[in-house]
Amino acid sequence: MYTPRNDQIAMQLTTKLILALTFLSAGVLSSTMGLLYVSERRHLLAQLEQGQLKDIEKLARVCADSVVDDNELGRLTYLKTFLGAGPADLVAWIAFVDSKGRLLMHSDILRADVSSREGQAAPILGRAVAERGVLRQASAEGARALSVLSLPVLVGGRRLGTVAIAYDQGTVRRLLAKVQRESLLRFLQVTLAGIGLSLLLALVLARTLTRPIRQLSIGAEMIGRGKLDYRIPEAGSDELGRLAGQFNSMARKRAELD
């Protein structure tokens, strides 16, 4: 016999289970999304640094070949191609200096600023000229923060000079932020879909768990009213099934005594 109280108890249990499972799933998915977001940023930064290293290694080879072949035009052609291939404003400048720090090539030449063609290189390259390997330095030009990557230009073990690429950190941050916004949107969509699926599973699980509890509640009420011939379905061998069996056994014994 179903009563409003039985329905109320079952509804309360179902609601609590659904809310608990939904909040748990949302918490797990949100934490996972946060970890993926941080992990992706580290991965993107590592990829960016690897790409920059490949770029300057290629530039060093081009400069070395251009010196050996006395082909300055080929060097400038590659410089123009390189600057046009990447995002605008990502590269602040590119320079090639000899072993004494004298400027041999600068990207400002392509911007019709021939003043960079003569004289000594920027002070930031002073340490790079003396460095034997890859060097990354932080610098600034006005309000722009730069990351300057430099590498020696070698031919047969002899150093011909040093190449350097200055990356605008503001542009780098904007590019990373754009990629991460797109990733965050995808993560959010997956998270919402996961929460929706969790809500559905929680509803099914809650109904599965509350059904035997509801049957126990009804059976206890019926037996308490003296209907000792009423039997609670003994579904399964878990604690609820054993409890239902104990209720039925108690009802039988009371019926035998009466």
C-alpha atoms as a PDB file:
ATOM      1  CA  MET A   1       0.000   0.000   0.000  1.00  0.00           C
ATOM      2  CA  TYR A   2       1.526   3.316  -1.153  1.00  0.00           C
ATOM      3  CA  THR A   3       1.008   6.375   0.948  1.00  0.00           C
ATOM      4  CA  PRO A   4       1.972  10.030   0.431  1.00  0.00           C
ATOM      5  CA  ARG A   5       4.564   9.629   3.154  1.00  0.00           C
ATOM      6  CA  ASN A   6       6.202   6.743   1.287  1.00  0.00           C
ATOM      7  CA  ASP A   7       6.335   8.835  -1.878  1.00  0.00           C
ATOM      8  CA  GLN A   8       7.772  11.779   0.054  1.00  0.00           C
ATOM      9  CA  ILE A   9      10.530   9.657   1.594  1.00  0.00           C
ATOM     10  CA  ALA A  10      11.427   8.132  -1.773  1.00  0.00           C
ATOM     11  CA  MET A  11      11.441  11.553  -3.430  1.00  0.00           C
ATOM     12  CA  GLN A  12      13.714  13.002  -0.759  1.00  0.00           C
ATOM     13  CA  LEU A  13      16.166  10.124  -1.101  1.00  0.00           C
ATOM     14  CA  THR A  14      16.130  10.361  -4.901  1.00  0.00           C
ATOM     15  CA  THR A  15      16.699  14.126  -4.853  1.00  0.00           C
ATOM     16  CA  LYS A  16      19.569  13.875  -2.376  1.00  0.00           C
ATOM     17  CA  LEU A  17      21.287  11.130  -4.344  1.00  0.00           C
ATOM     18  CA  ILE A  18      20.888  12.985  -7.636  1.00  0.00           C
ATOM     19  CA  LEU A  19      22.261  16.215  -6.155  1.00  0.00           C
ATOM     20  CA  ALA A  20      25.166  14.457  -4.453  1.00  0.00           C
ATOM     21  CA  LEU A  21      26.187  12.534  -7.569  1.00  0.00           C
ATOM     22  CA  THR A  22      25.751  15.569  -9.825  1.00  0.00           C
ATOM     23  CA  PHE A  23      27.863  17.832  -7.580  1.00  0.00           C
ATOM     24  CA  LEU A  24      30.502  15.113  -7.300  1.00  0.00           C
ATOM     25  CA  SER A  25      30.656  14.687 -11.078  1.00  0.00           C
ATOM     26  CA  ALA A  26      30.742  18.447 -11.630  1.00  0.00           C
ATOM     27  CA  GLY A  27      33.579  18.805  -9.132  1.00  0.00           C
ATOM     28  CA  VAL A  28      35.626  16.036 -10.731  1.00  0.00           C
ATOM     29  CA  LEU A  29      35.061  17.347 -14.257  1.00  0.00           C
ATOM     30  CA  SER A  30      35.842  20.950 -13.251  1.00  0.00           C
ATOM     31  CA  SER A  31      39.056  19.901 -11.508  1.00  0.00           C
ATOM     32  CA  THR A  32      40.050  17.861 -14.546  1.00  0.00           C
ATOM     33  CA  MET A  33      39.341  20.828 -16.811  1.00  0.00           C
ATOM     34  CA  GLY A  34      41.522  23.072 -14.633  1.00  0.00           C
ATOM     35  CA  LEU A  35      44.395  20.587 -14.705  1.00  0.00           C
ATOM     36  CA  LEU A  36      44.077  20.189 -18.482  1.00  0.00           C
ATOM     37  CA  TYR A  37      44.086  23.979 -18.898  1.00  0.00           C
ATOM     38  CA  VAL A  38      47.330  24.366 -16.935  1.00  0.00           C
ATOM     39  CA  SER A  39      48.875  21.334 -18.614  1.00  0.00           C
ATOM     40  CA  GLU A  40      47.984  22.630 -22.061  1.00  0.00           C
ATOM     41  CA  ARG A  41      49.583  26.011 -21.352  1.00  0.00           C
ATOM     42  CA  ARG A  42      52.828  24.314 -20.371  1.00  0.00           C
ATOM     43  CA  HIS A  43      52.644  22.155 -23.490  1.00  0.00           C
ATOM     44  CA  LEU A  44      52.024  25.189 -25.709  1.00  0.00           C
ATOM     45  CA  LEU A  45      54.967  27.058 -24.166  1.00  0.00           C
ATOM     46  CA  ALA A  46      57.225  24.038 -24.696  1.00  0.00           C
ATOM     47  CA  GLN A  47      56.072  23.763 -28.319  1.00  0.00           C
ATOM     48  CA  LEU A  48      56.650  27.479 -28.832  1.00  0.00           C
ATOM     49  CA  GLU A  49      60.194  27.294 -27.479  1.00  0.00           C
ATOM     50  CA  GLN A  50      60.964  24.259 -29.645  1.00  0.00           C
ATOM     51  CA  GLY A  51      59.634  26.085 -32.699  1.00  0.00           C
ATOM     52  CA  GLN A  52      61.729  29.156 -31.910  1.00  0.00           C
ATOM     53  CA  LEU A  53      64.821  26.990 -31.518  1.00  0.00           C
ATOM     54  CA  LYS A  54      64.235  25.377 -34.925  1.00  0.00           C
ATOM     55  CA  ASP A  55      63.734  28.822 -36.472  1.00  0.00           C
ATOM     56  CA  ILE A  56      67.025  30.210 -35.219  1.00  0.00           C
ATOM     57  CA  GLU A  57      68.922  27.040 -36.162  1.00  0.00           C
ATOM     58  CA  LYS A  58      67.573  27.370 -39.709  1.00  0.00           C
ATOM     59  CA  LEU A  59      68.468  31.087 -39.756  1.00  0.00           C
ATOM     60  CA  ALA A  60      72.009  30.286 -38.608  1.00  0.00           C
ATOM     61  CA  ARG A  61      72.426  27.752 -41.438  1.00  0.00           C
ATOM     62  CA  VAL A  62      71.119  30.238 -44.023  1.00  0.00           C
ATOM     63  CA  CYS A  63      73.484  32.953 -42.774  1.00  0.00           C
ATOM     64  CA  ALA A  64      76.431  30.558 -42.794  1.00  0.00           C
ATOM     65  CA  ASP A  65      75.670  29.477 -46.371  1.00  0.00           C
ATOM     66  CA  SER A  66      75.213  33.069 -47.486  1.00  0.00           C
ATOM     67  CA  VAL A  67      78.642  34.048 -46.108  1.00  0.00           C
ATOM     68  CA  VAL A  68      80.366  31.064 -47.705  1.00  0.00           C
ATOM     69  CA  ASP A  69      78.641  31.694 -51.059  1.00  0.00           C
ATOM     70  CA  ASP A  70      78.880  35.492 -50.724  1.00  0.00           C
ATOM     71  CA  ASN A  71      75.126  35.637 -51.326  1.00  0.00           C
ATOM     72  CA  GLU A  72      73.709  38.498 -49.291  1.00  0.00           C
ATOM     73  CA  LEU A  73      70.615  38.673 -51.511  1.00  0.00           C
ATOM     74  CA  GLY A  74      69.721  35.066 -50.652  1.00  0.00           C
ATOM     75  CA  ARG A  75      70.032  35.908 -46.975  1.00  0.00           C
ATOM     76  CA  LEU A  76      67.717  38.910 -47.307  1.00  0.00           C
ATOM     77  CA  THR A  77      65.228  36.884 -49.362  1.00  0.00           C
ATOM     78  CA  TYR A  78      65.019  34.263 -46.614  1.00  0.00           C
ATOM     79  CA  LEU A  79      64.635  37.018 -44.022  1.00  0.00           C
ATOM     80  CA  LYS A  80      61.699  38.503 -45.937  1.00  0.00           C
ATOM     81  CA  THR A  81      60.069  35.071 -46.280  1.00  0.00           C
ATOM     82  CA  PHE A  82      60.568  34.302 -42.612  1.00  0.00           C
ATOM     83  CA  LEU A  83      59.024  37.578 -41.449  1.00  0.00           C
ATOM     84  CA  GLY A  84      56.028  37.139 -43.755  1.00  0.00           C
ATOM     85  CA  ALA A  85      55.299  33.559 -42.687  1.00  0.00           C
ATOM     86  CA  GLY A  86      54.519  34.163 -39.006  1.00  0.00           C
ATOM     87  CA  PRO A  87      51.865  36.190 -37.186  1.00  0.00           C
ATOM     88  CA  ALA A  88      52.203  39.946 -37.466  1.00  0.00           C
ATOM     89  CA  ASP A  89      54.287  41.615 -34.747  1.00  0.00           C
ATOM     90  CA  LEU A  90      55.463  38.280 -33.327  1.00  0.00           C
ATOM     91  CA  VAL A  91      59.072  38.984 -34.342  1.00  0.00           C
ATOM     92  CA  ALA A  92      60.294  42.414 -33.266  1.00  0.00           C
ATOM     93  CA  TRP A  93      63.584  42.161 -35.160  1.00  0.00           C
ATOM     94  CA  ILE A  94      66.205  39.788 -36.534  1.00  0.00           C
ATOM     95  CA  ALA A  95      69.931  40.511 -36.576  1.00  0.00           C
ATOM     96  CA  PHE A  96      73.162  38.934 -37.829  1.00  0.00           C
ATOM     97  CA  VAL A  97      76.438  40.227 -36.412  1.00  0.00           C
ATOM     98  CA  ASP A  98      80.001  39.170 -37.063  1.00  0.00           C
ATOM     99  CA  SER A  99      82.406  37.828 -34.451  1.00  0.00           C
ATOM    100  CA  LYS A 100      83.338  41.379 -33.439  1.00  0.00           C
ATOM    101  CA  GLY A 101      79.748  42.467 -32.911  1.00  0.00           C
ATOM    102  CA  ARG A 102      79.457  44.483 -36.126  1.00  0.00           C
ATOM    103  CA  LEU A 103      76.026  44.411 -37.694  1.00  0.00           C
ATOM    104  CA  LEU A 104      75.840  42.476 -40.987  1.00  0.00           C
ATOM    105  CA  MET A 105      72.071  42.178 -41.349  1.00  0.00           C
ATOM    106  CA  HIS A 106      69.010  43.560 -39.635  1.00  0.00           C
ATOM    107  CA  SER A 107      65.309  43.161 -40.371  1.00  0.00           C
ATOM    108  CA  ASP A 108      64.834  46.936 -40.315  1.00  0.00           C
ATOM    109  CA  ILE A 109      66.412  46.960 -43.768  1.00  0.00           C
ATOM    110  CA  LEU A 110      63.173  45.467 -45.076  1.00  0.00           C
ATOM    111  CA  ARG A 111      61.252  48.251 -43.363  1.00  0.00           C
ATOM    112  CA  ALA A 112      63.220  50.905 -45.268  1.00  0.00           C
ATOM    113  CA  ASP A 113      65.148  51.833 -42.130  1.00  0.00           C
ATOM    114  CA  VAL A 114      68.739  51.692 -43.350  1.00  0.00           C
ATOM    115  CA  SER A 115      70.042  53.227 -40.129  1.00  0.00           C
ATOM    116  CA  SER A 116      70.262  49.720 -38.660  1.00  0.00           C
ATOM    117  CA  ARG A 117      72.580  48.609 -41.485  1.00  0.00           C
ATOM    118  CA  GLU A 118      75.668  50.280 -40.075  1.00  0.00           C
ATOM    119  CA  GLY A 119      77.440  50.371 -36.763  1.00  0.00           C
ATOM    120  CA  GLN A 120      77.492  48.141 -33.734  1.00  0.00           C
ATOM    121  CA  ALA A 121      74.677  45.784 -32.770  1.00  0.00           C
ATOM    122  CA  ALA A 122      72.277  46.438 -29.942  1.00  0.00           C
ATOM    123  CA  PRO A 123      73.715  46.040 -26.426  1.00  0.00           C
ATOM    124  CA  ILE A 124      71.542  42.969 -25.866  1.00  0.00           C
ATOM    125  CA  LEU A 125      73.744  41.124 -28.385  1.00  0.00           C
ATOM    126  CA  GLY A 126      76.968  41.886 -26.506  1.00  0.00           C
ATOM    127  CA  ARG A 127      76.670  38.793 -24.348  1.00  0.00           C
ATOM    128  CA  ALA A 128      75.351  36.705 -27.259  1.00  0.00           C
ATOM    129  CA  VAL A 129      78.536  37.351 -29.264  1.00  0.00           C
ATOM    130  CA  ALA A 130      80.614  35.788 -26.489  1.00  0.00           C
ATOM    131  CA  GLU A 131      78.210  32.864 -25.873  1.00  0.00           C
ATOM    132  CA  ARG A 132      79.120  29.487 -27.360  1.00  0.00           C
ATOM    133  CA  GLY A 133      75.601  28.085 -27.570  1.00  0.00           C
ATOM    134  CA  VAL A 134      71.950  29.029 -27.592  1.00  0.00           C
ATOM    135  CA  LEU A 135      71.160  31.978 -25.354  1.00  0.00           C
ATOM    136  CA  ARG A 136      67.787  33.446 -24.395  1.00  0.00           C
ATOM    137  CA  GLN A 137      67.691  36.920 -22.828  1.00  0.00           C
ATOM    138  CA  ALA A 138      64.918  39.199 -21.640  1.00  0.00           C
ATOM    139  CA  SER A 139      64.959  42.725 -23.027  1.00  0.00           C
ATOM    140  CA  ALA A 140      62.685  45.692 -23.609  1.00  0.00           C
ATOM    141  CA  GLU A 141      62.177  48.311 -26.271  1.00  0.00           C
ATOM    142  CA  GLY A 142      59.980  51.071 -24.972  1.00  0.00           C
ATOM    143  CA  ALA A 143      56.807  49.470 -23.668  1.00  0.00           C
ATOM    144  CA  ARG A 144      57.500  46.166 -25.455  1.00  0.00           C
ATOM    145  CA  ALA A 145      58.914  43.208 -23.541  1.00  0.00           C
ATOM    146  CA  LEU A 146      61.151  41.047 -25.713  1.00  0.00           C
ATOM    147  CA  SER A 147      62.639  37.586 -25.508  1.00  0.00           C
ATOM    148  CA  VAL A 148      65.862  37.535 -27.540  1.00  0.00           C
ATOM    149  CA  LEU A 149      67.105  34.147 -28.758  1.00  0.00           C
ATOM    150  CA  SER A 150      70.649  33.974 -30.169  1.00  0.00           C
ATOM    151  CA  LEU A 151      72.894  31.302 -31.683  1.00  0.00           C
ATOM    152  CA  PRO A 152      76.463  31.275 -33.065  1.00  0.00           C
ATOM    153  CA  VAL A 153      76.930  30.917 -36.844  1.00  0.00           C
ATOM    154  CA  LEU A 154      79.619  28.286 -37.460  1.00  0.00           C
ATOM    155  CA  VAL A 155      81.305  26.986 -40.587  1.00  0.00           C
ATOM    156  CA  GLY A 156      83.743  24.095 -40.163  1.00  0.00           C
ATOM    157  CA  GLY A 157      84.030  24.854 -36.454  1.00  0.00           C
ATOM    158  CA  ARG A 158      84.968  28.483 -37.151  1.00  0.00           C
ATOM    159  CA  ARG A 159      82.649  31.161 -35.818  1.00  0.00           C
ATOM    160  CA  LEU A 160      81.487  33.657 -38.407  1.00  0.00           C
ATOM    161  CA  GLY A 161      79.124  35.569 -36.181  1.00  0.00           C
ATOM    162  CA  THR A 162      75.867  35.374 -34.264  1.00  0.00           C
ATOM    163  CA  VAL A 163      72.217  35.472 -35.284  1.00  0.00           C
ATOM    164  CA  ALA A 164      69.430  36.678 -33.003  1.00  0.00           C
ATOM    165  CA  ILE A 165      65.649  36.774 -33.135  1.00  0.00           C
ATOM    166  CA  ALA A 166      63.702  39.066 -30.787  1.00  0.00           C
ATOM    167  CA  TYR A 167      60.162  37.876 -30.032  1.00  0.00           C
ATOM    168  CA  ASP A 168      57.502  40.274 -28.764  1.00  0.00           C
ATOM    169  CA  GLN A 169      56.266  38.732 -25.510  1.00  0.00           C
ATOM    170  CA  GLY A 170      53.003  40.676 -25.652  1.00  0.00           C
ATOM    171  CA  THR A 171      52.164  39.064 -28.992  1.00  0.00           C
ATOM    172  CA  VAL A 172      53.223  35.662 -27.663  1.00  0.00           C
ATOM    173  CA  ARG A 173      50.880  36.030 -24.688  1.00  0.00           C
ATOM    174  CA  ARG A 174      48.007  37.107 -26.956  1.00  0.00           C
ATOM    175  CA  LEU A 175      48.521  34.110 -29.234  1.00  0.00           C
ATOM    176  CA  LEU A 176      48.633  31.745 -26.276  1.00  0.00           C
ATOM    177  CA  ALA A 177      45.524  33.337 -24.779  1.00  0.00           C
ATOM    178  CA  LYS A 178      43.646  32.924 -28.073  1.00  0.00           C
ATOM    179  CA  VAL A 179      44.531  29.240 -28.335  1.00  0.00           C
ATOM    180  CA  GLN A 180      43.631  28.652 -24.705  1.00  0.00           C
ATOM    181  CA  ARG A 181      40.287  30.455 -25.061  1.00  0.00           C
ATOM    182  CA  GLU A 182      39.401  28.097 -27.883  1.00  0.00           C
ATOM    183  CA  SER A 183      40.549  25.117 -25.818  1.00  0.00           C
ATOM    184  CA  LEU A 184      38.647  26.376 -22.784  1.00  0.00           C
ATOM    185  CA  LEU A 185      35.472  26.561 -24.868  1.00  0.00           C
ATOM    186  CA  ARG A 186      35.966  22.956 -25.987  1.00  0.00           C
ATOM    187  CA  PHE A 187      36.692  21.864 -22.390  1.00  0.00           C
ATOM    188  CA  LEU A 188      33.562  23.683 -21.214  1.00  0.00           C
ATOM    189  CA  GLN A 189      31.419  21.958 -23.822  1.00  0.00           C
ATOM    190  CA  VAL A 190      32.803  18.571 -22.827  1.00  0.00           C
ATOM    191  CA  THR A 191      32.284  19.392 -19.133  1.00  0.00           C
ATOM    192  CA  LEU A 192      28.657  20.430 -19.655  1.00  0.00           C
ATOM    193  CA  ALA A 193      28.026  17.276 -21.676  1.00  0.00           C
ATOM    194  CA  GLY A 194      29.661  15.231 -18.913  1.00  0.00           C
ATOM    195  CA  ILE A 195      27.533  16.890 -16.238  1.00  0.00           C
ATOM    196  CA  GLY A 196      24.398  16.209 -18.299  1.00  0.00           C
ATOM    197  CA  LEU A 197      25.362  12.563 -18.674  1.00  0.00           C
ATOM    198  CA  SER A 198      26.195  12.357 -14.972  1.00  0.00           C
ATOM    199  CA  LEU A 199      22.784  13.809 -14.138  1.00  0.00           C
ATOM    200  CA  LEU A 200      21.094  11.143 -16.254  1.00  0.00           C
ATOM    201  CA  LEU A 201      23.158   8.346 -14.707  1.00  0.00           C
ATOM    202  CA  ALA A 202      22.526   9.775 -11.237  1.00  0.00           C
ATOM    203  CA  LEU A 203      18.778   9.698 -11.884  1.00  0.00           C
ATOM    204  CA  VAL A 204      18.908   6.061 -13.000  1.00  0.00           C
ATOM    205  CA  LEU A 205      21.156   5.087 -10.090  1.00  0.00           C
ATOM    206  CA  ALA A 206      19.027   6.978  -7.578  1.00  0.00           C
ATOM    207  CA  ARG A 207      15.873   5.227  -8.722  1.00  0.00           C
ATOM    208  CA  THR A 208      17.637   1.874  -8.604  1.00  0.00           C
ATOM    209  CA  LEU A 209      18.828   2.501  -5.037  1.00  0.00           C
ATOM    210  CA  THR A 210      15.627   4.035  -3.672  1.00  0.00           C
ATOM    211  CA  ARG A 211      13.271   1.376  -5.049  1.00  0.00           C
ATOM    212  CA  PRO A 212      14.197  -1.278  -2.448  1.00  0.00           C
ATOM    213  CA  ILE A 213      14.263   1.376   0.295  1.00  0.00           C
ATOM    214  CA  ARG A 214      10.763   2.432  -0.705  1.00  0.00           C
ATOM    215  CA  GLN A 215       9.594  -1.186  -0.665  1.00  0.00           C
ATOM    216  CA  LEU A 216      11.079  -1.599   2.814  1.00  0.00           C
ATOM    217  CA  SER A 217       9.294   1.519   4.015  1.00  0.00           C
ATOM    218  CA  ILE A 218       5.955   0.305   2.655  1.00  0.00           C
ATOM    219  CA  GLY A 219       6.481  -3.204   4.045  1.00  0.00           C
ATOM    220  CA  ALA A 220       7.412  -1.922   7.504  1.00  0.00           C
ATOM    221  CA  GLU A 221       4.280   0.250   7.552  1.00  0.00           C
ATOM    222  CA  MET A 222       2.037  -2.631   6.435  1.00  0.00           C
ATOM    223  CA  ILE A 223       3.477  -5.039   8.984  1.00  0.00           C
ATOM    224  CA  GLY A 224       3.242  -2.380  11.661  1.00  0.00           C
ATOM    225  CA  ARG A 225      -0.472  -2.075  10.899  1.00  0.00           C
ATOM    226  CA  GLY A 226      -0.929  -5.767  11.583  1.00  0.00           C
ATOM    227  CA  LYS A 227      -0.975  -7.111   8.027  1.00  0.00           C
ATOM    228  CA  LEU A 228       1.348  -9.980   8.833  1.00  0.00           C
ATOM    229  CA  ASP A 229       0.681 -11.760   5.543  1.00  0.00           C
ATOM    230  CA  TYR A 230       2.370  -8.926   3.611  1.00  0.00           C
ATOM    231  CA  ARG A 231       5.777  -9.829   2.201  1.00  0.00           C
ATOM    232  CA  ILE A 232       8.532  -7.452   1.103  1.00  0.00           C
ATOM    233  CA  PRO A 233      10.237  -8.403  -2.195  1.00  0.00           C
ATOM    234  CA  GLU A 234      13.679  -9.804  -1.394  1.00  0.00           C
ATOM    235  CA  ALA A 235      15.627  -8.485  -4.373  1.00  0.00           C
ATOM    236  CA  GLY A 236      19.313  -9.272  -4.351  1.00  0.00           C
ATOM    237  CA  SER A 237      21.656 -10.560  -1.670  1.00  0.00           C
ATOM    238  CA  ASP A 238      22.911  -7.204  -0.409  1.00  0.00           C
ATOM    239  CA  GLU A 239      22.122  -5.526   2.908  1.00  0.00           C
ATOM    240  CA  LEU A 240      18.724  -4.289   1.739  1.00  0.00           C
ATOM    241  CA  GLY A 241      17.774  -7.748   0.482  1.00  0.00           C
ATOM    242  CA  ARG A 242      18.798  -9.323   3.796  1.00  0.00           C
ATOM    243  CA  LEU A 243      16.913  -6.646   5.713  1.00  0.00           C
ATOM    244  CA  ALA A 244      13.779  -7.378   3.671  1.00  0.00           C
ATOM    245  CA  GLY A 245      14.205 -11.068   4.516  1.00  0.00           C
ATOM    246  CA  GLN A 246      14.446 -10.249   8.230  1.00  0.00           C
ATOM    247  CA  PHE A 247      11.232  -8.189   8.045  1.00  0.00           C
ATOM    248  CA  ASN A 248       9.440 -11.082   6.346  1.00  0.00           C
ATOM    249  CA  SER A 249      10.790 -13.556   8.900  1.00  0.00           C
ATOM    250  CA  MET A 250       9.630 -11.328  11.755  1.00  0.00           C
ATOM    251  CA  ALA A 251       6.165 -11.063  10.160  1.00  0.00           C
ATOM    252  CA  ARG A 252       5.909 -14.866   9.836  1.00  0.00           C
ATOM    253  CA  LYS A 253       6.919 -15.427  13.443  1.00  0.00           C
ATOM    254  CA  ARG A 254       4.387 -12.855  14.683  1.00  0.00           C
ATOM    255  CA  ALA A 255       1.709 -14.489  12.547  1.00  0.00           C
ATOM    256  CA  GLU A 256       2.561 -17.911  14.048  1.00  0.00           C
ATOM    257  CA  LEU A 257       2.363 -16.510  17.595  1.00  0.00           C
ATOM    258  CA  ASP A 258      -1.020 -14.948  16.874  1.00  0.00           C
END
